[in-house]
Protein backbone atom coordinates (compact mmCIF):
# COMPACT_ATOMS: atom_id res chain seq x y z
CA MET A 1 -13.71 15.49 4.80
CA GLU A 2 -12.54 18.96 5.77
CA ARG A 3 -15.82 21.02 7.35
CA THR A 4 -14.97 24.10 5.51
CA HIS A 5 -15.09 22.14 2.18
CA CYS A 6 -18.18 20.20 3.44
CA LEU A 7 -19.95 23.11 4.13
CA ALA A 8 -19.28 24.95 0.89
CA GLY A 9 -22.26 25.95 -1.59
CA SER A 10 -23.81 29.16 0.51
CA PRO A 11 -25.30 27.02 3.58
CA THR A 12 -27.37 29.32 6.10
CA PRO A 13 -25.95 30.43 9.03
CA GLU A 14 -27.89 27.33 10.59
CA GLU A 15 -25.69 25.47 9.19
CA LEU A 16 -22.34 27.09 9.67
CA ASN A 17 -22.72 27.87 13.38
CA ASP A 18 -22.64 25.33 16.29
CA PRO A 19 -26.18 24.84 17.11
CA THR A 20 -25.32 23.96 20.55
CA TRP A 21 -25.20 27.49 22.00
CA VAL A 22 -27.18 29.81 19.94
CA VAL A 23 -28.14 32.89 22.24
CA ASP A 24 -29.58 36.22 21.26
CA ALA A 25 -28.56 39.59 22.76
CA ASP A 26 -31.22 39.38 25.38
CA GLY A 27 -30.44 35.40 26.38
CA GLY A 28 -32.95 33.67 24.25
CA LEU A 29 -31.74 30.01 23.87
CA LYS A 30 -32.48 28.44 20.64
CA ASN A 31 -32.97 24.40 20.32
CA VAL A 32 -34.51 23.86 23.74
CA VAL A 33 -37.10 21.38 23.65
CA VAL A 34 -40.56 22.19 26.05
CA TRP A 35 -43.50 20.05 26.59
CA LEU A 36 -46.27 19.49 28.69
CA ALA A 37 -46.69 16.38 31.23
CA PRO A 38 -49.59 15.20 33.58
CA PRO A 39 -49.20 15.93 37.00
CA ASP A 40 -48.10 12.53 37.85
CA ARG A 41 -47.51 9.09 36.19
CA ASP A 42 -50.94 8.17 37.00
CA HIS A 43 -52.42 10.57 34.85
CA PHE A 44 -52.06 10.86 31.14
CA PHE A 45 -53.24 13.01 27.76
CA ALA A 46 -56.17 10.79 26.33
CA PHE A 47 -57.80 11.11 22.77
CA LYS A 48 -60.40 9.67 20.73
CA PRO A 49 -59.82 8.45 17.08
CA ASP A 50 -61.53 11.20 15.58
CA ASP A 51 -59.83 14.18 17.87
CA ASP A 52 -58.71 16.69 15.53
CA ASP A 53 -55.52 16.70 17.42
CA LEU A 54 -54.75 13.72 15.92
CA LYS A 55 -54.83 14.84 12.35
CA PRO A 56 -52.08 16.10 10.43
CA ASP A 57 -52.10 19.73 10.06
CA GLY A 58 -55.24 19.99 12.65
CA LYS A 59 -55.61 21.92 15.57
CA ALA A 60 -52.63 20.72 17.50
CA GLY A 61 -50.55 21.83 14.13
CA TRP A 62 -48.01 18.56 13.82
CA LYS A 63 -46.95 17.57 10.46
CA LYS A 64 -47.56 14.03 8.95
CA THR A 65 -44.02 13.59 7.77
CA ALA A 66 -41.16 14.78 10.14
CA THR A 67 -38.13 15.13 8.01
CA LEU A 68 -34.51 15.20 8.90
CA ARG A 69 -32.52 17.19 6.43
CA GLN A 70 -29.17 17.36 5.28
CA PRO A 71 -28.89 20.13 2.83
CA HIS A 72 -24.71 20.19 3.15
CA CYS A 73 -23.00 18.71 6.18
CA ALA A 74 -25.60 19.52 9.31
CA TYR A 75 -28.80 18.38 10.25
CA ILE A 76 -31.71 20.55 9.85
CA PRO A 77 -33.33 20.96 12.41
CA HIS A 78 -30.99 20.23 15.06
CA VAL A 79 -33.93 19.46 17.39
CA GLN A 80 -37.48 18.56 16.85
CA ALA A 81 -40.67 17.05 18.59
CA LEU A 82 -42.49 14.22 17.05
CA PHE A 83 -46.32 13.18 18.11
CA SER A 84 -45.77 9.22 17.06
CA HIS A 85 -48.09 7.92 19.49
CA TYR A 86 -50.90 8.81 21.48
CA ARG A 87 -53.29 6.96 24.22
CA ASP A 88 -56.90 6.43 24.33
CA ALA A 89 -59.31 7.07 27.05
CA LYS A 90 -57.95 3.54 28.52
CA GLY A 91 -54.32 5.13 28.68
CA GLU A 92 -53.57 2.46 25.64
CA LEU A 93 -50.89 3.36 23.40
CA LYS A 94 -51.54 3.67 19.65
CA GLU A 95 -49.68 4.89 16.51
CA THR A 96 -50.36 8.40 14.91
CA GLU A 97 -50.10 8.93 11.42
CA GLN A 98 -47.02 10.55 11.56
CA GLU A 99 -43.50 9.05 9.72
CA LEU A 100 -40.01 10.00 10.24
CA GLU A 101 -37.71 10.25 7.53
CA VAL A 102 -34.12 11.50 6.73
CA THR A 103 -33.06 13.01 3.33
CA ASN A 104 -29.76 13.67 1.73
CA GLU A 105 -29.81 16.87 -0.03
CA SER A 106 -26.29 17.38 -0.10
CA LYS A 107 -23.68 16.30 -2.80
CA PHE A 108 -21.79 14.10 -0.26
CA THR A 109 -22.39 10.87 0.88
CA HIS A 110 -23.82 10.71 4.71
CA ASN A 111 -25.08 8.03 7.05
CA THR A 112 -27.60 8.29 9.79
CA ASN A 113 -26.26 6.45 12.71
CA LEU A 114 -29.60 6.10 14.96
CA ASN A 115 -28.11 2.41 16.41
CA GLU A 116 -28.34 3.27 20.20
CA SER A 117 -31.87 5.05 19.68
CA LEU A 118 -33.77 3.11 16.70
CA GLY A 119 -31.21 0.25 15.88
CA VAL A 120 -30.42 1.75 12.16
CA ASN A 121 -27.62 3.24 10.58
CA PRO A 122 -28.75 3.77 6.90
CA ALA A 123 -26.10 5.18 4.34
CA LEU A 124 -27.63 7.94 2.56
CA PRO A 125 -26.00 9.05 -1.38
CA SER A 126 -26.78 12.17 -2.53
CA GLY A 127 -30.51 12.81 -3.57
CA VAL A 128 -31.77 9.80 -1.41
CA THR A 129 -34.41 9.75 1.38
CA GLU A 130 -35.19 6.99 3.75
CA LYS A 131 -38.24 6.43 5.65
CA LEU A 132 -37.25 5.52 9.64
CA PRO A 133 -38.33 3.09 11.94
CA ARG A 134 -40.94 4.24 14.39
CA PRO A 135 -39.29 5.40 17.99
CA ARG A 136 -39.61 2.60 20.19
CA LYS A 137 -41.96 3.00 23.23
CA ARG A 138 -39.34 3.27 25.86
CA LEU A 139 -38.39 6.46 24.23
CA LEU A 140 -41.62 8.55 24.59
CA ASN A 141 -41.36 11.39 26.58
CA LYS A 142 -38.30 10.26 28.30
CA GLU A 143 -35.05 10.49 26.37
CA PRO A 144 -34.26 12.14 22.70
CA ILE A 145 -33.73 9.96 19.55
CA VAL A 146 -29.90 11.03 18.95
CA ALA A 147 -28.97 11.18 15.24
CA GLY A 148 -25.17 11.36 14.13
CA CYS A 149 -23.10 11.23 11.04
CA ASP A 150 -19.76 8.94 11.27
CA ILE A 151 -18.53 10.17 8.16
CA HIS A 152 -19.12 13.98 9.42
CA PRO A 153 -18.51 13.68 13.04
CA TRP A 154 -19.64 17.05 14.10
CA MET A 155 -22.91 16.38 12.77
CA LYS A 156 -25.74 15.30 15.30
CA ALA A 157 -29.47 16.13 15.95
CA TYR A 158 -31.97 15.25 18.63
CA ILE A 159 -35.54 13.91 17.97
CA TRP A 160 -37.81 13.74 20.76
CA ALA A 161 -40.74 11.29 20.65
CA PHE A 162 -44.13 11.98 22.45
CA ASP A 163 -47.59 10.36 22.98
CA HIS A 164 -49.47 13.95 22.95
CA PRO A 165 -48.62 17.05 20.56
CA PHE A 166 -48.02 19.41 23.48
CA ALA A 167 -44.66 19.78 22.92
CA ALA A 168 -42.44 22.38 20.79
CA PHE A 169 -38.65 23.90 20.34
CA THR A 170 -37.54 27.30 20.75
CA ASP A 171 -36.37 29.53 17.89
CA GLU A 172 -33.59 32.08 18.05
CA HIS A 173 -35.12 34.32 20.32
CA GLY A 174 -35.86 31.25 22.69
CA LYS A 175 -39.56 31.45 22.03
CA PHE A 176 -41.78 28.63 21.74
CA THR A 177 -45.74 27.91 21.12
CA ILE A 178 -47.64 25.07 22.02
CA LYS A 179 -50.97 25.05 20.40
CA ASN A 180 -54.28 24.17 22.18
CA ALA A 181 -52.57 23.16 25.49
CA PRO A 182 -54.98 21.98 28.19
CA ALA A 183 -56.51 24.68 30.10
CA GLY A 184 -57.17 24.73 33.82
CA ALA A 185 -55.21 21.44 34.36
CA ASP A 186 -52.38 20.76 36.86
CA LEU A 187 -49.38 20.28 34.80
CA LYS A 188 -45.69 19.89 34.51
CA LEU A 189 -43.49 22.00 32.28
CA MET A 190 -40.68 20.13 30.97
CA VAL A 191 -37.62 21.54 29.40
CA TRP A 192 -34.50 20.19 27.66
CA HIS A 193 -31.39 20.99 26.23
CA GLU A 194 -28.76 18.67 24.97
CA LYS A 195 -26.11 20.27 27.49
CA LEU A 196 -28.37 21.70 30.38
CA GLU A 197 -30.41 18.83 30.16
CA TYR A 198 -33.54 19.01 32.47
CA ILE A 199 -33.54 22.85 32.92
CA THR A 200 -36.94 22.28 35.07
CA GLY A 201 -35.80 19.34 36.65
CA GLU A 202 -36.39 15.67 35.55
CA LYS A 203 -39.67 15.83 37.38
CA GLY A 204 -40.63 19.40 35.85
CA GLU A 205 -42.00 22.44 37.10
CA ALA A 206 -45.59 22.66 38.31
CA ILE A 207 -47.80 24.86 36.35
CA LYS A 208 -51.65 25.55 35.57
CA LEU A 209 -52.64 27.31 32.32
CA ASP A 210 -55.19 29.83 32.45
CA LYS A 211 -58.07 29.37 30.11
CA ASP A 212 -56.86 32.44 27.93
CA LYS A 213 -53.60 30.86 27.30
CA ALA A 214 -55.28 27.53 26.13
CA LYS A 215 -55.57 28.76 22.50
CA THR A 216 -51.85 29.23 21.84
CA TRP A 217 -49.46 29.23 24.93
CA ALA A 218 -46.31 31.00 24.14
CA LYS A 219 -43.13 31.65 26.41
CA GLU A 220 -39.55 32.21 26.12
CA VAL A 221 -36.38 30.32 27.59
CA GLU A 222 -33.57 32.24 28.58
CA TYR A 223 -30.15 31.21 29.03
CA LYS A 224 -27.89 32.95 31.68
CA GLU A 225 -24.43 32.00 32.76
């Protein structure tokens, strides 16, 4: 099917334009995933079962259901971050209440090929929503879940799953916000883009957040050729 026909129906610029490189006049780069990581592999972010961070729409700001939309013939959003698991004080991995779903709002049939990441490839007729399997543990904090449509091969989306809520993705100006980031701790800043990959290196950039930046930490990601 022709892409122009598939995208007909007054789609948004987000659907019409190539989501790989969205750079504003000041070099702000969209669709970059940013997250905080402990200083080394022997550390982790620990939570208690009654922590407000674990509640949907609580202080961490995550949603109970993460949705991958298909309004026409493009995935919206192109990138997103999940808080699918957490670690307790002993470091044991637990599941949050968050669920992942894909919905087809278009007039066309799509499929969502997640075989390499989740082992599923559901076909979605128009108007159908399907709940997807929970991310595998090996994916947490390490690599994205990649979604593609075999019917419309230009469609692609990246979903990162984390064991903590300290993650975000950049907007059209390269800006992102991480709520209630741990203050005063030695951390690693991780930054990933589908083409640039690990912008701060696979081990991340060492940072330490001041207390005044803990409530809401905002920053920009710039791209310069």
